[in-house]
Amino acid sequence: MCGITGVWGSSDSQSVKTMMETLVHRGPDADGLFISANDLGVLGHRRLSIMDPKGGDQPIYGDSRNQAIVGNGEIYNFPQLQPDLAQRYSFTTRSDTEAILRLYEDQGTASVEQLDGMYAFAIADQTRLLVARDPIGIKPLYYAEEDGRFIFASELKAIAQRCDRVQEFPPGTYFDSDSGFSTFYSVPDIPPDQDADPESLIQAVRKTLEMAVKKRLMSDVPVGCFLSGGLDSSLITAIAKQHLDELHTFSIGTEGSRDLKAARLVAEHVGTIHHEYVITPDEVTALLPEILYYLESFDQDLVRSAIPCYFTSRLAAEHVKVILTGEGADELFAGYTYYKSVPDDDTLHRELRRSVMTLHNINLQRVDRMTMAHSIEGRVPFLDLAMIELGQRIPASLKLRGEPIVEKWILRQAFTDLLPEEIVWRTKEQFDEGSGTVDLLGDMLSQVMSESEATEYQQKHRRDRLRSAEECHYHRLLMEAYDRPEPVLANVARWAERPV
């Protein structure tokens, strides 16, 4: 996990250095700068050292010193790619990022389709620039095109200080300075297999998730798990512990919250080294401006879930550099309450696919920003491409099932023997609910802005469609966090906007 930035079409290294300073939290371990020999562009990198901590500083160069890569993320099939490539290219590091560069040297832009991982990277190749983002958009990337320059960075805040119109770089897409944008992946539109044997699908879910977790344990530094005590994080924790002698887990909540109690039960059952932290209203009030600065959003739902994620990340950073988390399970297996109101299975199937497709600038943004605010790397096993494809093949009737209806039924069935029964069948609660954050915020925000003040504020900022006094407060704090907030505000996604 790192921060990348660059300018193509200009040799303005000072601007890149300034953007790099904004991204220090993404990579406190090292920094690097590449300036093309022909003054066509500059690439910048802030490093959080995960793979090859001593030898993997970036930029990493190709056979020519005018060919270089800066990257953010992890390539999980690096161990499979490297041996074949090493027969034709001389590797100078044990970094997975170098495998991207060597694969590009071997296959050109077709190389992006061979990568299995989460990433955003930029390759300077003589007079050409290639920039790419992973298929689901787990790793962030933003860009602007101004005065013949292509400017990019891992976070909005790095570009917003100098560009008026900033856009999100689309997931599953690469940009070639010679040919423009090209899409290489979209979430597959696969009809559910209505004739499949449910038991075979249950076994497939188990096998696929176990493989997804195992590959995400690849690291040269300690790995841990967020553990809320809900189904998703508990499954990931239990599977990870099967492969690690020691595993640290982390949970936060208000005093007496349901998540803290459930997480203790799972930690004891699985045998992890468990850590927890109790949050207070005063601490949330004091740190809310900082949370919003890093989050780059005022969306009410996103902020509510970002608050516990921020504190869990802070706690985890005291012990590990890599963290596994459960994002994506609700979108794949119908975990949210509103899915139960979808009128039929065909519509639900389409809505679940849409939900996965929109994760990149909602929940995945929250995971990335809150973990990186504390310089740790978040990994999301449920969003393995094989799991996403399998999720599309599973009929909706196996996701919402029973009387009363149980969400994520097939996921629960796949792991009934792995966790205590009360965890496997625990009622779904969103992170902000189970941790007690919603109740805490209700008391805290009641004194911040009256309804009449909120109405006036909403009218003043009508373009941003603020939904409540709470959201008005977040919007105001976000406005205060930046000297030039407009490009940030223009990119705020709305989790609540659904077509069903």
Protein backbone atom coordinates (compact mmCIF):
# COMPACT_ATOMS: atom_id res chain seq x y z
CA MET A 1 0.00 0.00 0.00
CA CYS A 2 1.40 3.35 -0.99
CA GLY A 3 0.58 6.71 -2.48
CA ILE A 4 1.30 7.51 -6.12
CA THR A 5 1.10 10.73 -8.05
CA GLY A 6 2.39 12.21 -11.27
CA VAL A 7 2.17 14.72 -14.09
CA TRP A 8 2.50 13.80 -17.75
CA GLY A 9 2.99 16.51 -20.33
CA SER A 10 5.15 18.60 -18.03
CA SER A 11 8.41 18.30 -16.08
CA ASP A 12 6.93 20.10 -13.07
CA SER A 13 8.65 18.10 -10.34
CA GLN A 14 7.83 20.64 -7.65
CA SER A 15 4.09 20.09 -8.11
CA VAL A 16 4.59 16.33 -7.83
CA LYS A 17 6.68 16.77 -4.68
CA THR A 18 3.92 18.91 -3.17
CA MET A 19 1.31 16.27 -3.99
CA MET A 20 3.58 13.61 -2.47
CA GLU A 21 3.70 15.58 0.79
CA THR A 22 -0.10 15.45 0.92
CA LEU A 23 0.10 11.65 0.70
CA VAL A 24 2.73 11.04 3.40
CA HIS A 25 0.25 9.07 5.51
CA ARG A 26 -0.09 6.54 2.68
CA GLY A 27 3.63 5.89 2.65
CA PRO A 28 5.72 7.06 5.60
CA ASP A 29 8.58 4.60 5.00
CA ALA A 30 10.22 6.06 1.88
CA ASP A 31 9.71 8.38 -1.08
CA GLY A 32 10.92 8.44 -4.64
CA LEU A 33 10.74 10.61 -7.75
CA PHE A 34 11.13 9.78 -11.43
CA ILE A 35 11.76 12.52 -14.01
CA SER A 36 11.71 11.38 -17.62
CA ALA A 37 14.86 12.12 -19.61
CA ASN A 38 12.88 13.99 -22.24
CA ASP A 39 11.03 16.14 -19.66
CA LEU A 40 7.71 14.62 -20.68
CA GLY A 41 6.64 13.76 -17.18
CA VAL A 42 7.27 13.16 -13.49
CA LEU A 43 6.17 10.27 -11.26
CA GLY A 44 6.10 10.42 -7.46
CA HIS A 45 5.84 7.69 -4.84
CA ARG A 46 5.29 7.44 -1.08
CA ARG A 47 6.02 3.97 0.23
CA LEU A 48 4.43 1.80 2.88
CA SER A 49 6.79 -1.17 2.84
CA ILE A 50 4.92 -4.49 2.76
CA MET A 51 6.78 -6.70 0.26
CA ASP A 52 10.59 -6.63 0.28
CA PRO A 53 10.77 -3.88 2.93
CA LYS A 54 14.52 -3.33 2.49
CA GLY A 55 14.83 -3.57 -1.28
CA GLY A 56 11.50 -2.54 -2.78
CA ASP A 57 11.69 1.27 -2.79
CA GLN A 58 10.12 2.95 -5.82
CA PRO A 59 10.32 4.00 -8.56
CA ILE A 60 11.54 0.66 -9.88
CA TYR A 61 13.36 0.89 -13.20
CA GLY A 62 13.24 -1.28 -16.29
CA ASP A 63 16.21 -2.13 -18.47
CA SER A 64 16.29 1.54 -19.46
CA ARG A 65 16.54 4.31 -16.87
CA ASN A 66 13.80 6.06 -18.84
CA GLN A 67 11.36 3.26 -18.05
CA ALA A 68 9.97 3.18 -14.49
CA ILE A 69 6.96 2.21 -12.40
CA VAL A 70 5.30 3.57 -9.27
CA GLY A 71 2.56 1.46 -7.75
CA ASN A 72 0.08 1.12 -4.91
CA GLY A 73 -1.45 -2.16 -3.73
CA GLU A 74 -0.62 -5.86 -3.91
CA ILE A 75 -0.35 -8.36 -6.76
CA TYR A 76 -1.40 -11.67 -5.25
CA ASN A 77 -0.27 -13.80 -8.21
CA PHE A 78 3.22 -12.30 -8.10
CA PRO A 79 4.69 -15.67 -6.93
CA GLN A 80 3.20 -17.33 -10.01
CA LEU A 81 4.23 -14.57 -12.45
CA GLN A 82 7.80 -14.03 -11.29
CA PRO A 83 9.49 -17.38 -12.15
CA ASP A 84 8.52 -17.29 -15.83
CA LEU A 85 9.36 -13.60 -16.21
CA ALA A 86 12.71 -14.11 -14.45
CA GLN A 87 13.80 -16.32 -17.35
CA ARG A 88 13.71 -13.27 -19.64
CA TYR A 89 14.17 -10.28 -17.33
CA SER A 90 16.55 -9.51 -14.48
CA PHE A 91 14.62 -8.75 -11.29
CA THR A 92 16.36 -6.28 -8.98
CA THR A 93 13.88 -6.58 -6.08
CA ARG A 94 11.54 -9.07 -4.40
CA SER A 95 8.68 -6.58 -4.77
CA ASP A 96 5.44 -7.58 -6.43
CA THR A 97 5.37 -4.17 -8.12
CA GLU A 98 8.41 -5.08 -10.19
CA ALA A 99 6.45 -8.01 -11.61
CA ILE A 100 3.98 -5.51 -13.10
CA LEU A 101 6.79 -3.69 -14.88
CA ARG A 102 8.40 -6.89 -16.21
CA LEU A 103 5.02 -8.18 -17.36
CA TYR A 104 4.44 -4.88 -19.15
CA GLU A 105 7.84 -5.20 -20.84
CA ASP A 106 6.76 -8.68 -21.94
CA GLN A 107 3.16 -8.08 -23.01
CA GLY A 108 2.52 -4.34 -23.21
CA THR A 109 -0.93 -3.09 -22.16
CA ALA A 110 -2.29 -6.66 -22.29
CA SER A 111 -0.35 -7.20 -19.05
CA VAL A 112 -3.12 -5.65 -16.93
CA GLU A 113 -5.44 -8.56 -17.68
CA GLN A 114 -2.91 -10.97 -16.16
CA LEU A 115 -2.78 -9.26 -12.77
CA ASP A 116 -4.64 -10.67 -9.77
CA GLY A 117 -4.75 -8.10 -7.03
CA MET A 118 -5.65 -4.62 -5.91
CA TYR A 119 -3.62 -1.86 -7.48
CA ALA A 120 -3.16 1.53 -9.02
CA PHE A 121 0.08 2.04 -10.91
CA ALA A 122 1.79 4.25 -13.48
CA ILE A 123 4.52 3.19 -15.91
CA ALA A 124 6.62 5.73 -17.78
CA ASP A 125 8.02 4.16 -20.93
CA GLN A 126 10.16 6.55 -22.93
CA THR A 127 7.54 8.92 -24.44
CA ARG A 128 4.54 6.93 -23.24
CA LEU A 129 2.54 6.77 -19.99
CA LEU A 130 0.41 3.83 -18.84
CA VAL A 131 -1.83 4.24 -15.78
CA ALA A 132 -4.14 1.48 -14.53
CA ARG A 133 -6.56 0.73 -11.70
CA ASP A 134 -7.64 -2.68 -10.43
CA PRO A 135 -10.89 -4.33 -11.65
CA ILE A 136 -13.08 -3.45 -8.64
CA GLY A 137 -11.43 -0.17 -7.66
CA ILE A 138 -10.14 -1.39 -4.31
CA LYS A 139 -7.20 0.97 -4.63
CA PRO A 140 -8.08 4.62 -5.27
CA LEU A 141 -7.00 6.81 -8.15
CA TYR A 142 -8.05 10.25 -9.38
CA TYR A 143 -7.03 12.35 -12.35
CA ALA A 144 -7.35 15.72 -14.04
CA GLU A 145 -6.60 16.87 -17.56
CA GLU A 146 -5.56 20.50 -17.76
CA ASP A 147 -3.46 22.50 -20.24
CA GLY A 148 -2.29 19.39 -22.06
CA ARG A 149 -1.22 17.67 -18.84
CA PHE A 150 -2.49 14.42 -17.34
CA ILE A 151 -2.32 14.70 -13.55
CA PHE A 152 -3.07 11.80 -11.20
CA ALA A 153 -2.89 10.89 -7.53
CA SER A 154 -4.12 8.31 -5.03
CA GLU A 155 -6.36 10.77 -3.20
CA LEU A 156 -8.51 13.74 -4.13
CA LYS A 157 -6.80 16.05 -1.67
CA ALA A 158 -3.53 15.81 -3.54
CA ILE A 159 -5.00 17.09 -6.83
CA ALA A 160 -7.72 19.40 -5.46
CA GLN A 161 -5.14 21.95 -4.38
CA ARG A 162 -4.16 22.63 -8.01
CA CYS A 163 -6.95 21.43 -10.37
CA ASP A 164 -10.54 22.63 -10.69
CA ARG A 165 -12.02 19.52 -12.30
CA VAL A 166 -10.92 16.24 -10.76
CA GLN A 167 -12.45 12.90 -11.74
CA GLU A 168 -12.29 9.40 -10.36
CA PHE A 169 -10.18 7.07 -12.49
CA PRO A 170 -12.60 4.25 -13.44
CA PRO A 171 -12.02 0.75 -12.00
CA GLY A 172 -10.95 -1.96 -14.42
CA THR A 173 -9.49 0.65 -16.74
CA TYR A 174 -6.12 1.73 -18.05
CA PHE A 175 -5.02 5.00 -19.63
CA ASP A 176 -2.45 4.94 -22.42
CA SER A 177 -1.12 8.37 -23.35
CA ASP A 178 -1.00 7.18 -26.97
CA SER A 179 -4.58 5.87 -27.19
CA GLY A 180 -6.58 7.14 -24.19
CA PHE A 181 -8.81 5.15 -21.80
CA SER A 182 -9.61 1.45 -22.26
CA THR A 183 -11.77 -0.79 -20.06
CA PHE A 184 -10.37 -4.28 -19.43
CA TYR A 185 -12.81 -5.53 -16.78
CA SER A 186 -16.38 -5.08 -15.63
CA VAL A 187 -18.29 -7.09 -13.04
CA PRO A 188 -19.55 -10.12 -14.99
CA ASP A 189 -23.22 -10.21 -15.86
CA ILE A 190 -23.77 -13.92 -15.31
CA PRO A 191 -27.28 -15.39 -15.03
CA PRO A 192 -27.73 -17.33 -11.79
CA ASP A 193 -27.53 -21.09 -12.17
CA GLN A 194 -31.02 -22.10 -11.10
CA ASP A 195 -30.32 -25.79 -11.75
CA ALA A 196 -27.17 -26.02 -9.63
CA ASP A 197 -27.17 -28.34 -6.64
CA PRO A 198 -27.31 -26.08 -3.53
CA GLU A 199 -24.83 -28.30 -1.70
CA SER A 200 -22.26 -27.94 -4.48
CA LEU A 201 -22.65 -24.16 -4.34
CA ILE A 202 -22.24 -24.21 -0.56
CA GLN A 203 -18.97 -26.11 -0.95
CA ALA A 204 -17.85 -23.74 -3.69
CA VAL A 205 -18.46 -20.73 -1.43
CA ARG A 206 -16.32 -22.28 1.29
CA LYS A 207 -13.47 -23.28 -1.00
CA THR A 208 -13.41 -19.95 -2.82
CA LEU A 209 -13.38 -17.84 0.34
CA GLU A 210 -10.68 -20.02 1.91
CA MET A 211 -8.49 -19.53 -1.16
CA ALA A 212 -9.18 -15.78 -1.21
CA VAL A 213 -8.16 -15.35 2.41
CA LYS A 214 -5.04 -17.50 2.04
CA LYS A 215 -3.67 -15.52 -0.91
CA ARG A 216 -4.18 -12.27 1.03
CA LEU A 217 -1.87 -13.43 3.80
CA MET A 218 1.07 -12.79 1.43
CA SER A 219 3.24 -10.29 3.30
CA ASP A 220 6.73 -9.64 4.63
CA VAL A 221 5.25 -7.78 7.62
CA PRO A 222 2.65 -8.75 10.28
CA VAL A 223 -0.98 -9.34 9.22
CA GLY A 224 -4.10 -8.90 11.38
CA CYS A 225 -7.89 -8.87 11.08
CA PHE A 226 -10.62 -6.40 11.90
CA LEU A 227 -13.07 -8.32 14.06
CA SER A 228 -16.49 -6.83 14.74
CA GLY A 229 -18.02 -10.14 15.80
CA GLY A 230 -20.28 -10.10 12.76
CA LEU A 231 -20.36 -12.98 10.31
CA ASP A 232 -18.04 -11.56 7.63
CA SER A 233 -15.09 -10.47 9.76
CA SER A 234 -15.44 -13.57 11.95
CA LEU A 235 -15.20 -15.91 8.96
CA ILE A 236 -12.11 -14.15 7.63
CA THR A 237 -10.51 -14.28 11.08
CA ALA A 238 -11.23 -17.99 11.55
CA ILE A 239 -9.85 -18.89 8.11
CA ALA A 240 -6.74 -16.73 8.53
CA LYS A 241 -5.99 -18.28 11.91
CA GLN A 242 -5.83 -21.71 10.27
CA HIS A 243 -2.74 -20.50 8.37
CA LEU A 244 -1.03 -18.37 11.03
CA ASP A 245 0.42 -19.39 14.38
CA GLU A 246 -0.30 -15.92 15.77
CA LEU A 247 -3.04 -13.61 14.59
CA HIS A 248 -3.90 -10.20 16.06
CA THR A 249 -7.55 -9.09 15.93
CA PHE A 250 -9.01 -5.66 16.61
CA SER A 251 -12.42 -4.46 17.74
CA ILE A 252 -13.84 -1.13 18.90
CA GLY A 253 -17.16 0.06 20.24
CA THR A 254 -18.87 2.12 22.85
CA GLU A 255 -18.96 0.78 26.39
CA GLY A 256 -21.11 -2.37 26.45
CA SER A 257 -21.66 -2.46 22.67
CA ARG A 258 -22.76 -5.68 21.00
CA ASP A 259 -19.74 -5.81 18.71
CA LEU A 260 -17.25 -5.85 21.56
CA LYS A 261 -19.03 -8.75 23.24
CA ALA A 262 -19.36 -10.79 20.03
CA ALA A 263 -15.76 -10.14 19.00
CA ARG A 264 -14.47 -11.42 22.34
CA LEU A 265 -16.43 -14.62 21.82
CA VAL A 266 -14.94 -15.17 18.35
CA ALA A 267 -11.39 -14.28 19.45
CA GLU A 268 -11.57 -16.78 22.29
CA HIS A 269 -13.08 -19.47 20.05
CA VAL A 270 -10.49 -19.04 17.29
CA GLY A 271 -7.52 -18.28 19.54
CA THR A 272 -6.36 -14.84 18.43
CA ILE A 273 -4.39 -12.15 20.24
CA HIS A 274 -7.30 -9.79 20.68
CA HIS A 275 -7.27 -6.03 21.18
CA GLU A 276 -10.21 -3.71 21.79
CA TYR A 277 -10.79 -0.03 22.33
CA VAL A 278 -13.77 1.80 23.82
CA ILE A 279 -14.65 5.05 22.08
CA THR A 280 -16.26 8.04 23.81
CA PRO A 281 -18.36 10.96 22.54
CA ASP A 282 -15.65 13.48 23.46
CA GLU A 283 -13.02 11.63 21.45
CA VAL A 284 -15.28 11.30 18.40
CA THR A 285 -16.12 15.02 18.59
CA ALA A 286 -12.46 15.96 18.78
CA LEU A 287 -11.36 13.72 15.90
CA LEU A 288 -14.33 14.11 13.55
CA PRO A 289 -12.69 16.91 11.51
CA GLU A 290 -9.63 14.71 10.99
CA ILE A 291 -11.76 11.72 10.03
CA LEU A 292 -13.59 13.77 7.40
CA TYR A 293 -10.33 15.19 6.05
CA TYR A 294 -9.03 11.71 5.38
CA LEU A 295 -12.39 10.27 4.25
CA GLU A 296 -13.02 12.94 1.58
CA SER A 297 -16.78 12.57 1.94
CA PHE A 298 -19.72 14.03 3.84
CA ASP A 299 -22.15 11.21 3.01
CA GLN A 300 -24.00 10.44 6.24
CA ASP A 301 -23.90 6.65 5.90
CA LEU A 302 -20.25 6.61 4.94
CA VAL A 303 -19.19 8.89 7.79
CA ARG A 304 -21.06 6.77 10.33
CA SER A 305 -19.16 3.65 9.27
CA ALA A 306 -15.89 5.55 8.88
CA ILE A 307 -15.80 6.57 12.53
CA PRO A 308 -15.44 3.06 14.00
CA CYS A 309 -13.16 2.11 11.08
CA TYR A 310 -10.86 5.03 11.92
CA PHE A 311 -10.47 3.97 15.54
CA THR A 312 -10.05 0.28 14.67
CA SER A 313 -7.33 1.22 12.17
CA ARG A 314 -5.57 3.35 14.76
CA LEU A 315 -5.61 0.44 17.18
CA ALA A 316 -4.39 -2.05 14.56
CA ALA A 317 -1.51 0.21 13.51
CA GLU A 318 0.09 -0.34 16.91
CA HIS A 319 0.61 -4.03 16.06
CA VAL A 320 0.40 -4.80 12.31
CA LYS A 321 0.88 -3.24 8.87
CA VAL A 322 -1.66 -5.36 6.94
CA ILE A 323 -5.29 -5.89 7.91
CA LEU A 324 -7.99 -8.16 6.47
CA THR A 325 -11.55 -6.89 6.48
CA GLY A 326 -14.98 -8.14 5.42
CA GLU A 327 -16.18 -5.59 2.85
CA GLY A 328 -18.07 -7.02 -0.10
CA ALA A 329 -19.90 -9.89 1.60
CA ASP A 330 -23.13 -7.92 2.04
CA GLU A 331 -23.18 -6.90 -1.61
CA LEU A 332 -22.44 -10.41 -2.86
CA PHE A 333 -24.76 -12.31 -0.52
CA ALA A 334 -27.59 -9.82 0.19
CA GLY A 335 -26.63 -8.74 3.68
CA TYR A 336 -28.35 -5.36 3.96
CA THR A 337 -31.88 -5.02 5.26
CA TYR A 338 -33.15 -3.15 2.19
CA TYR A 339 -32.45 -6.17 -0.02
CA LYS A 340 -35.38 -7.93 1.67
CA SER A 341 -37.73 -5.35 0.16
CA VAL A 342 -36.63 -6.03 -3.43
CA PRO A 343 -39.74 -7.43 -5.14
CA ASP A 344 -38.34 -10.47 -6.97
CA ASP A 345 -35.21 -12.58 -7.41
CA ASP A 346 -34.32 -11.23 -10.86
CA THR A 347 -34.37 -7.64 -9.60
CA LEU A 348 -32.36 -8.61 -6.52
CA HIS A 349 -29.76 -10.33 -8.70
CA ARG A 350 -29.34 -7.13 -10.74
CA GLU A 351 -29.24 -4.97 -7.62
CA LEU A 352 -26.51 -7.08 -6.04
CA ARG A 353 -24.39 -6.76 -9.16
CA ARG A 354 -24.94 -3.01 -9.17
CA SER A 355 -23.98 -2.89 -5.49
CA VAL A 356 -20.63 -4.56 -6.18
CA MET A 357 -20.02 -2.21 -9.09
CA THR A 358 -20.48 0.87 -6.87
CA LEU A 359 -18.28 -0.22 -3.96
CA HIS A 360 -15.21 1.57 -5.31
CA ASN A 361 -16.27 5.06 -4.26
CA ILE A 362 -18.32 4.16 -1.20
CA ASN A 363 -17.36 1.41 1.27
CA LEU A 364 -14.03 0.70 -0.39
CA GLN A 365 -13.20 4.39 -0.20
CA ARG A 366 -13.89 4.29 3.53
CA VAL A 367 -11.71 1.22 4.08
CA ASP A 368 -8.84 2.66 2.07
CA ARG A 369 -8.88 6.14 3.61
CA MET A 370 -9.30 5.06 7.22
CA THR A 371 -6.60 2.38 7.08
CA MET A 372 -4.21 4.61 5.19
CA ALA A 373 -4.81 7.46 7.62
CA HIS A 374 -2.87 5.23 10.01
CA SER A 375 -0.45 3.83 7.43
CA ILE A 376 -1.77 0.27 7.29
CA GLU A 377 -2.96 -1.74 4.29
CA GLY A 378 -6.53 -3.05 4.12
CA ARG A 379 -7.28 -6.20 2.11
CA VAL A 380 -10.73 -7.48 1.17
CA PRO A 381 -10.96 -11.26 0.52
CA PHE A 382 -14.67 -11.25 -0.35
CA LEU A 383 -13.87 -9.14 -3.42
CA ASP A 384 -11.59 -11.71 -4.96
CA LEU A 385 -12.60 -11.95 -8.63
CA ALA A 386 -13.36 -15.65 -8.30
CA MET A 387 -15.70 -14.91 -5.39
CA ILE A 388 -17.45 -12.17 -7.36
CA GLU A 389 -17.99 -14.51 -10.29
CA LEU A 390 -19.30 -17.24 -7.99
CA GLY A 391 -21.59 -14.73 -6.32
CA GLN A 392 -23.15 -13.96 -9.68
CA ARG A 393 -23.87 -17.66 -10.34
CA ILE A 394 -25.63 -18.24 -7.01
CA PRO A 395 -29.43 -17.78 -7.21
CA ALA A 396 -30.85 -14.98 -5.07
CA SER A 397 -33.13 -17.53 -3.39
CA LEU A 398 -30.04 -19.04 -1.71
CA LYS A 399 -28.93 -15.66 -0.37
CA LEU A 400 -32.19 -14.59 1.24
CA ARG A 401 -33.86 -17.71 2.57
CA GLY A 402 -35.95 -19.07 5.42
CA GLU A 403 -38.88 -17.92 7.53
CA PRO A 404 -38.30 -15.32 8.80
CA ILE A 405 -35.91 -14.46 5.96
CA VAL A 406 -32.22 -14.87 6.81
CA GLU A 407 -29.74 -12.73 4.90
CA LYS A 408 -26.53 -14.33 3.51
CA TRP A 409 -28.05 -17.77 4.06
CA ILE A 410 -25.67 -19.68 1.78
CA LEU A 411 -22.60 -18.01 3.31
CA ARG A 412 -23.74 -19.00 6.78
CA GLN A 413 -24.45 -22.57 5.65
CA ALA A 414 -20.96 -22.89 4.20
CA PHE A 415 -19.31 -22.32 7.58
CA THR A 416 -21.65 -23.70 10.23
CA ASP A 417 -18.82 -25.74 11.75
CA LEU A 418 -16.22 -22.97 11.90
CA LEU A 419 -17.73 -20.53 14.40
CA PRO A 420 -20.07 -20.59 17.41
CA GLU A 421 -23.71 -20.93 16.38
CA GLU A 422 -24.63 -17.52 17.81
CA ILE A 423 -22.06 -15.89 15.52
CA VAL A 424 -22.94 -17.87 12.39
CA TRP A 425 -26.61 -16.91 12.77
CA ARG A 426 -26.10 -13.46 14.33
CA THR A 427 -28.52 -10.88 12.94
CA LYS A 428 -26.86 -8.53 10.49
CA GLU A 429 -25.84 -5.17 11.96
CA GLN A 430 -23.92 -2.51 10.10
CA PHE A 431 -20.57 -1.51 11.59
CA ASP A 432 -21.92 1.78 12.93
CA GLU A 433 -24.88 0.00 14.58
CA GLY A 434 -23.13 -2.90 16.27
CA SER A 435 -20.29 -0.71 17.51
CA GLY A 436 -22.73 1.73 19.12
CA THR A 437 -21.62 4.61 16.89
CA VAL A 438 -25.15 5.48 15.75
CA ASP A 439 -26.39 5.95 19.32
CA LEU A 440 -23.28 7.91 20.23
CA LEU A 441 -23.70 10.22 17.25
CA GLY A 442 -27.37 10.79 18.00
CA ASP A 443 -26.53 12.23 21.40
CA MET A 444 -23.45 14.09 20.19
CA LEU A 445 -24.98 15.76 17.13
CA SER A 446 -28.23 16.85 18.75
CA GLN A 447 -26.43 19.94 20.05
CA VAL A 448 -24.54 20.78 16.85
CA MET A 449 -27.18 22.19 14.49
CA SER A 450 -30.87 22.87 14.90
CA GLU A 451 -33.40 21.86 12.25
CA SER A 452 -33.95 25.48 11.23
CA GLU A 453 -30.20 26.02 10.88
CA ALA A 454 -29.95 22.82 8.87
CA THR A 455 -32.76 23.94 6.53
CA GLU A 456 -30.95 27.21 5.90
CA TYR A 457 -27.67 25.38 5.31
CA GLN A 458 -29.32 22.95 2.90
CA GLN A 459 -30.69 25.85 0.84
CA LYS A 460 -27.26 27.46 0.72
CA HIS A 461 -25.67 24.23 -0.54
CA ARG A 462 -28.55 22.92 -2.62
CA ARG A 463 -26.27 21.35 -5.21
CA ASP A 464 -24.95 18.83 -2.68
CA ARG A 465 -28.46 17.56 -1.75
CA LEU A 466 -27.84 17.37 1.98
CA ARG A 467 -30.28 15.00 3.70
CA SER A 468 -30.22 15.92 7.39
CA ALA A 469 -28.80 18.18 10.06
CA GLU A 470 -26.22 15.48 10.69
CA GLU A 471 -25.09 15.51 7.07
CA CYS A 472 -25.02 19.32 7.06
CA HIS A 473 -22.58 19.17 9.97
CA TYR A 474 -20.32 16.74 8.13
CA HIS A 475 -20.48 18.91 5.01
CA ARG A 476 -19.48 22.00 6.97
CA LEU A 477 -16.52 20.22 8.56
CA LEU A 478 -15.40 18.91 5.17
CA MET A 479 -15.59 22.42 3.71
CA GLU A 480 -13.37 23.65 6.53
CA ALA A 481 -10.85 20.84 6.03
CA TYR A 482 -9.58 22.06 2.64
CA ASP A 483 -8.43 25.34 1.16
CA ARG A 484 -10.11 24.33 -2.12
CA PRO A 485 -12.95 21.95 -1.18
CA GLU A 486 -14.97 22.15 -4.41
CA PRO A 487 -13.15 19.37 -6.34
CA VAL A 488 -13.54 17.09 -3.30
CA LEU A 489 -17.24 17.87 -2.87
CA ALA A 490 -17.87 17.20 -6.56
CA ASN A 491 -16.66 13.61 -6.15
CA VAL A 492 -18.70 12.61 -3.10
CA ALA A 493 -20.66 9.44 -3.86
CA ARG A 494 -24.10 8.78 -2.38
CA TRP A 495 -24.61 5.31 -0.90
CA ALA A 496 -28.33 5.89 -0.44
CA GLU A 497 -29.08 6.43 -4.13
CA ARG A 498 -30.47 3.09 -5.33
CA PRO A 499 -32.84 2.35 -8.20
CA VAL A 500 -35.02 -0.06 -6.22
